[in-house]
Amino acid sequence: MNAQNPQSNYLTNWSDFSHDEPSIRDIIPDGVPLYLQIVLIPGGYNPPDPKTGAPMVTFQNLLHRTKDMTKDTASLKLEFTVLRGPYQGKKFTQNFTCVGGKVDERGNSVAGKISRDRIRTILDSAFGLSTKDETPAACAKRALQAGLKGIHGLKFFAMAKVVPPQGSFGEKNELGDILTIDQARFPGRQPNGALDVAAMWKAIDNPTIPTPKAAKAAPTPVELPDWAQEGKPADAPAAQQGQPVQPDQPVEQIQPTQQFNPLPDWAAGNGTVGVNTQTVAGGLTTTSDHPVPAWAQ
């Protein structure tokens, strides 16, 4: 091995694992509020226009074509970095399908519409906009002058989501619900609708970890009456006479319950904002100590 660089040609040495980085993945619990920054990872692909076949330059060579060549999807790959709180520095990636897959009655990609909705909500979160704000000023902030590259470096609020293990892949984090200032559960939102910025940062920096949902109990086996058991004649006299069969035990009437997600009790605390400068393909860079948006100061 190279003495100056222990990692040099390390794949040729299968007797020394002292320099291998661990691949343990710490999972952010489901439902934890996060302050995130986007890093856009370009894929170098412009999908063809469904009508003309020409490359769709609106995607700026940013999309990744699916590895499964039997599918026609192309996605935007985003990396999310946690900027504050107990999980500061954690990263996870997610693909936003932009074209291809199932289409609606107008021939538009269903997944593409979902991705557009999520990007729109990210913009609202980043710029401190209400999702109901349709004023010219708000619409101007949603119009990306730099195209899709304009989402690179944005900071916004969202909930963590845990994706269960699938096949040979373990559980992982993805972007959960995106939080905007008009939502009652937005960190720091007061009962009267006002936003307490100090309370907002306390909620991000020292969150109460949501309690995992309890697994559903297995249903109690139902003992069938003799006439309904397999291999026995269905000699239910009442049924033969055209009368309804009465169960052995009264049926419990299940009343609907209201479903809601209560806000957790937040602990006080402080935190700092800062990320290292990073350059990625396509000339996109993140900035060091990127300032907090003016509305959140």
Protein backbone atom coordinates (compact mmCIF):
# COMPACT_ATOMS: atom_id res chain seq x y z
CA MET A 1 0.00 0.00 0.00
CA ASN A 2 0.99 3.59 -0.56
CA ALA A 3 2.37 4.85 2.75
CA GLN A 4 1.15 8.40 2.05
CA ASN A 5 -2.32 7.26 1.05
CA PRO A 6 -3.48 4.08 2.83
CA GLN A 7 -6.58 4.00 0.61
CA SER A 8 -4.49 3.73 -2.56
CA ASN A 9 -5.33 0.43 -4.33
CA TYR A 10 -6.98 -0.79 -1.13
CA LEU A 11 -9.28 -3.10 -3.11
CA THR A 12 -6.27 -5.24 -3.99
CA ASN A 13 -5.50 -5.90 -0.32
CA TRP A 14 -8.07 -8.18 1.27
CA SER A 15 -6.14 -8.80 4.47
CA ASP A 16 -6.13 -5.26 5.93
CA PHE A 17 -9.48 -3.57 6.66
CA SER A 18 -8.16 -0.97 9.09
CA HIS A 19 -8.57 1.93 6.64
CA ASP A 20 -12.04 1.03 5.35
CA GLU A 21 -14.72 3.52 6.29
CA PRO A 22 -17.69 2.02 8.14
CA SER A 23 -20.93 1.87 6.20
CA ILE A 24 -23.21 2.13 9.23
CA ARG A 25 -26.18 4.35 8.38
CA ASP A 26 -27.74 6.33 11.19
CA ILE A 27 -31.44 6.79 10.53
CA ILE A 28 -33.20 10.02 11.51
CA PRO A 29 -36.44 9.02 13.27
CA ASP A 30 -39.67 9.43 11.38
CA GLY A 31 -41.41 12.77 11.96
CA VAL A 32 -38.44 14.79 13.23
CA PRO A 33 -38.56 18.41 11.91
CA LEU A 34 -35.44 19.30 9.93
CA TYR A 35 -33.81 22.36 8.40
CA LEU A 36 -32.29 21.16 5.13
CA GLN A 37 -30.19 22.38 2.23
CA ILE A 38 -30.42 21.00 -1.29
CA VAL A 39 -27.44 19.85 -3.32
CA LEU A 40 -28.42 19.16 -6.91
CA ILE A 41 -26.57 16.21 -8.45
CA PRO A 42 -26.61 16.57 -12.26
CA GLY A 43 -27.10 13.46 -14.37
CA GLY A 44 -26.22 14.85 -17.81
CA TYR A 45 -29.45 13.79 -19.51
CA ASN A 46 -32.17 15.69 -21.37
CA PRO A 47 -35.09 13.37 -22.17
CA PRO A 48 -36.68 13.62 -25.62
CA ASP A 49 -39.81 15.68 -26.12
CA PRO A 50 -42.76 13.25 -26.49
CA LYS A 51 -44.09 15.22 -29.47
CA THR A 52 -40.98 16.27 -31.39
CA GLY A 53 -38.32 13.84 -30.15
CA ALA A 54 -35.89 16.70 -29.61
CA PRO A 55 -34.00 16.89 -26.29
CA MET A 56 -35.91 18.89 -23.69
CA VAL A 57 -33.37 21.60 -22.89
CA THR A 58 -35.58 22.88 -20.07
CA PHE A 59 -33.98 20.16 -17.92
CA GLN A 60 -30.48 21.66 -18.43
CA ASN A 61 -28.81 18.22 -18.64
CA LEU A 62 -29.67 17.66 -14.98
CA LEU A 63 -31.74 14.49 -15.12
CA HIS A 64 -30.66 10.91 -14.50
CA ARG A 65 -32.01 8.28 -16.84
CA THR A 66 -33.32 5.17 -15.12
CA LYS A 67 -30.91 2.24 -15.07
CA ASP A 68 -33.77 -0.02 -16.06
CA MET A 69 -33.84 0.48 -19.83
CA THR A 70 -37.32 -1.06 -20.02
CA LYS A 71 -38.64 2.05 -18.29
CA ASP A 72 -38.82 5.51 -19.80
CA THR A 73 -38.42 7.56 -16.64
CA ALA A 74 -35.86 10.26 -15.89
CA SER A 75 -35.34 11.83 -12.49
CA LEU A 76 -33.83 14.76 -10.68
CA LYS A 77 -31.41 13.56 -8.01
CA LEU A 78 -31.28 15.70 -4.89
CA GLU A 79 -29.10 15.41 -1.81
CA PHE A 80 -30.44 16.87 1.43
CA THR A 81 -28.07 17.99 4.19
CA VAL A 82 -29.32 18.61 7.73
CA LEU A 83 -28.04 22.04 8.82
CA ARG A 84 -29.09 22.28 12.45
CA GLY A 85 -30.14 20.20 15.42
CA PRO A 86 -29.03 16.82 16.75
CA TYR A 87 -28.73 15.36 13.24
CA GLN A 88 -26.68 18.21 11.79
CA GLY A 89 -24.46 17.00 8.97
CA LYS A 90 -26.57 13.95 8.12
CA LYS A 91 -27.31 13.52 4.42
CA PHE A 92 -29.74 11.52 2.35
CA THR A 93 -30.62 11.48 -1.33
CA GLN A 94 -33.86 11.11 -3.20
CA ASN A 95 -34.93 10.98 -6.83
CA PHE A 96 -37.77 13.15 -8.10
CA THR A 97 -39.19 11.59 -11.28
CA CYS A 98 -39.82 14.34 -13.84
CA VAL A 99 -40.85 12.47 -17.00
CA GLY A 100 -42.11 9.03 -17.92
CA GLY A 101 -44.08 6.36 -16.13
CA LYS A 102 -47.84 6.38 -15.85
CA VAL A 103 -49.69 9.25 -17.52
CA ASP A 104 -52.98 11.00 -16.76
CA GLU A 105 -55.87 11.60 -19.11
CA ARG A 106 -53.95 14.47 -20.71
CA GLY A 107 -50.88 12.36 -21.35
CA ASN A 108 -48.79 14.03 -18.62
CA SER A 109 -46.53 12.05 -16.29
CA VAL A 110 -48.29 11.37 -12.99
CA ALA A 111 -44.96 11.14 -11.14
CA GLY A 112 -43.81 14.33 -12.83
CA LYS A 113 -46.84 16.18 -11.47
CA ILE A 114 -46.08 14.92 -7.96
CA SER A 115 -42.46 16.12 -8.29
CA ARG A 116 -43.58 19.55 -9.51
CA ASP A 117 -45.92 19.85 -6.52
CA ARG A 118 -43.11 18.99 -4.12
CA ILE A 119 -40.66 21.42 -5.70
CA ARG A 120 -43.30 24.15 -5.56
CA THR A 121 -43.78 23.45 -1.83
CA ILE A 122 -40.01 23.48 -1.27
CA LEU A 123 -39.89 26.95 -2.82
CA ASP A 124 -42.70 28.13 -0.55
CA SER A 125 -40.86 26.76 2.49
CA ALA A 126 -37.53 28.28 1.43
CA PHE A 127 -38.96 31.75 0.77
CA GLY A 128 -41.34 31.83 3.72
CA LEU A 129 -44.45 31.86 1.53
CA SER A 130 -47.94 30.67 2.30
CA THR A 131 -49.05 27.99 -0.13
CA LYS A 132 -52.17 30.09 -0.66
CA ASP A 133 -50.23 33.24 -1.56
CA GLU A 134 -50.80 33.93 -5.25
CA THR A 135 -49.70 37.57 -5.25
CA PRO A 136 -47.36 38.73 -8.05
CA ALA A 137 -44.47 38.94 -5.55
CA ALA A 138 -44.97 35.36 -4.41
CA CYS A 139 -45.36 34.04 -7.96
CA ALA A 140 -42.15 35.83 -8.94
CA LYS A 141 -40.23 33.91 -6.25
CA ARG A 142 -41.59 30.64 -7.62
CA ALA A 143 -40.33 31.47 -11.12
CA LEU A 144 -36.74 30.18 -11.22
CA GLN A 145 -34.67 32.57 -13.30
CA ALA A 146 -31.84 30.03 -13.44
CA GLY A 147 -34.19 27.18 -14.32
CA LEU A 148 -34.07 23.99 -12.25
CA LYS A 149 -30.53 24.89 -11.21
CA GLY A 150 -32.16 27.55 -9.07
CA ILE A 151 -33.18 25.01 -6.44
CA HIS A 152 -29.53 24.16 -5.76
CA GLY A 153 -28.51 25.53 -2.37
CA LEU A 154 -32.04 26.31 -1.19
CA LYS A 155 -32.77 25.88 2.51
CA PHE A 156 -36.16 24.78 3.72
CA PHE A 157 -38.08 22.93 6.44
CA ALA A 158 -39.40 19.38 6.25
CA MET A 159 -40.15 16.29 8.30
CA ALA A 160 -37.90 13.25 8.21
CA LYS A 161 -39.39 10.10 6.73
CA VAL A 162 -38.17 6.54 7.28
CA VAL A 163 -38.57 4.12 4.39
CA PRO A 164 -38.80 0.48 5.58
CA PRO A 165 -36.33 -2.15 4.31
CA GLN A 166 -37.00 -3.35 0.78
CA GLY A 167 -35.45 -6.58 -0.47
CA SER A 168 -31.71 -6.50 0.20
CA PHE A 169 -31.78 -2.78 1.05
CA GLY A 170 -32.06 -1.63 4.64
CA GLU A 171 -34.24 1.18 5.90
CA LYS A 172 -33.32 4.69 4.81
CA ASN A 173 -34.38 8.31 5.12
CA GLU A 174 -36.36 10.25 2.57
CA LEU A 175 -37.98 13.64 2.47
CA GLY A 176 -41.21 13.61 4.45
CA ASP A 177 -43.83 16.33 4.52
CA ILE A 178 -42.48 19.72 3.49
CA LEU A 179 -43.33 22.40 6.04
CA THR A 180 -44.56 25.88 5.08
CA ILE A 181 -45.32 28.82 7.35
CA ASP A 182 -49.08 28.57 6.87
CA GLN A 183 -49.25 25.08 8.38
CA ALA A 184 -50.37 24.73 11.99
CA ARG A 185 -47.57 22.21 12.65
CA PHE A 186 -44.82 24.47 11.28
CA PRO A 187 -42.14 24.81 14.00
CA GLY A 188 -42.83 27.88 16.13
CA ARG A 189 -46.38 28.35 14.89
CA GLN A 190 -48.48 29.77 17.73
CA PRO A 191 -52.17 28.96 18.40
CA ASN A 192 -53.13 32.45 17.24
CA GLY A 193 -51.39 31.89 13.89
CA ALA A 194 -48.33 34.04 14.63
CA LEU A 195 -44.83 32.67 13.98
CA ASP A 196 -42.41 32.76 16.91
CA VAL A 197 -38.99 32.62 15.21
CA ALA A 198 -37.13 31.87 18.46
CA ALA A 199 -39.49 28.97 19.16
CA MET A 200 -39.04 27.81 15.56
CA TRP A 201 -35.29 27.39 16.00
CA LYS A 202 -35.77 25.73 19.38
CA ALA A 203 -38.03 23.18 17.69
CA ILE A 204 -35.36 22.47 15.09
CA ASP A 205 -32.35 22.45 17.41
CA ASN A 206 -33.81 20.39 20.25
CA PRO A 207 -36.76 18.38 19.01
CA THR A 208 -38.61 15.83 21.04
CA ILE A 209 -38.19 12.59 19.13
CA PRO A 210 -41.64 11.33 18.14
CA THR A 211 -42.63 8.04 19.72
CA PRO A 212 -42.66 5.22 17.13
CA LYS A 213 -46.11 4.00 16.26
CA ALA A 214 -46.99 0.78 18.04
CA ALA A 215 -47.40 -2.26 15.84
CA LYS A 216 -50.96 -3.37 15.30
CA ALA A 217 -51.98 -6.31 17.44
CA ALA A 218 -52.78 -9.52 15.63
CA PRO A 219 -56.52 -10.06 15.25
CA THR A 220 -58.16 -12.46 17.68
CA PRO A 221 -59.01 -15.75 15.94
CA VAL A 222 -62.73 -16.19 15.43
CA GLU A 223 -64.12 -19.60 16.38
CA LEU A 224 -66.57 -20.73 13.71
CA PRO A 225 -69.80 -22.48 14.67
CA ASP A 226 -70.01 -26.21 13.91
CA TRP A 227 -72.14 -25.76 10.80
CA ALA A 228 -69.59 -23.33 9.23
CA GLN A 229 -66.48 -25.45 9.80
CA GLU A 230 -64.84 -27.14 6.86
CA GLY A 231 -65.86 -30.78 6.38
CA LYS A 232 -69.14 -30.43 8.28
CA PRO A 233 -72.56 -30.13 6.64
CA ALA A 234 -74.04 -26.66 6.56
CA ASP A 235 -77.16 -27.68 8.44
CA ALA A 236 -78.20 -24.31 9.82
CA PRO A 237 -81.97 -24.62 10.24
CA ALA A 238 -82.52 -20.88 10.50
CA ALA A 239 -80.68 -20.26 7.23
CA GLN A 240 -82.63 -23.03 5.49
CA GLN A 241 -85.88 -21.36 6.58
CA GLY A 242 -84.83 -18.07 5.01
CA GLN A 243 -84.08 -16.40 8.34
CA PRO A 244 -80.78 -14.64 9.14
CA VAL A 245 -78.30 -16.64 11.18
CA GLN A 246 -77.63 -15.02 14.55
CA PRO A 247 -73.99 -15.00 15.71
CA ASP A 248 -73.08 -16.79 18.91
CA GLN A 249 -71.75 -13.53 20.38
CA PRO A 250 -73.00 -9.98 19.74
CA VAL A 251 -70.94 -8.10 17.14
CA GLU A 252 -68.98 -5.22 18.63
CA GLN A 253 -69.82 -1.91 16.99
CA ILE A 254 -66.59 -0.07 16.19
CA GLN A 255 -66.98 3.68 16.43
CA PRO A 256 -64.82 5.88 14.16
CA THR A 257 -62.18 7.90 15.95
CA GLN A 258 -60.74 11.23 14.91
CA GLN A 259 -57.22 10.94 13.52
CA PHE A 260 -54.77 13.73 14.27
CA ASN A 261 -51.07 14.34 14.75
CA PRO A 262 -50.48 16.37 17.93
CA LEU A 263 -47.51 18.70 17.99
CA PRO A 264 -44.66 17.48 20.22
CA ASP A 265 -43.44 19.48 23.21
CA TRP A 266 -40.27 21.23 22.14
CA ALA A 267 -37.19 21.71 24.29
CA ALA A 268 -35.23 24.95 24.35
CA GLY A 269 -31.84 25.23 22.69
CA ASN A 270 -29.63 27.02 20.22
CA GLY A 271 -27.82 25.99 17.07
CA THR A 272 -25.71 27.31 14.26
CA VAL A 273 -26.04 27.28 10.51
CA GLY A 274 -23.10 26.36 8.32
CA VAL A 275 -22.04 23.97 5.59
CA ASN A 276 -18.73 23.45 3.90
CA THR A 277 -18.19 24.67 0.38
CA GLN A 278 -18.82 21.85 -2.07
CA THR A 279 -18.51 21.73 -5.84
CA VAL A 280 -20.50 19.18 -7.79
CA ALA A 281 -20.73 18.30 -11.47
CA GLY A 282 -22.16 21.02 -13.67
CA GLY A 283 -20.38 23.87 -11.87
CA LEU A 284 -22.88 24.01 -9.01
CA THR A 285 -21.51 24.96 -5.61
CA THR A 286 -22.81 25.32 -2.11
CA THR A 287 -21.68 28.26 -0.03
CA SER A 288 -20.00 28.21 3.36
CA ASP A 289 -22.07 29.66 6.23
CA HIS A 290 -24.96 30.34 3.92
CA PRO A 291 -27.14 32.93 5.68
CA VAL A 292 -30.51 32.11 7.10
CA PRO A 293 -33.34 33.60 5.00
CA ALA A 294 -34.29 37.10 6.15
CA TRP A 295 -37.81 36.03 7.09
CA ALA A 296 -36.43 33.43 9.49
CA GLN A 297 -33.99 35.68 11.32
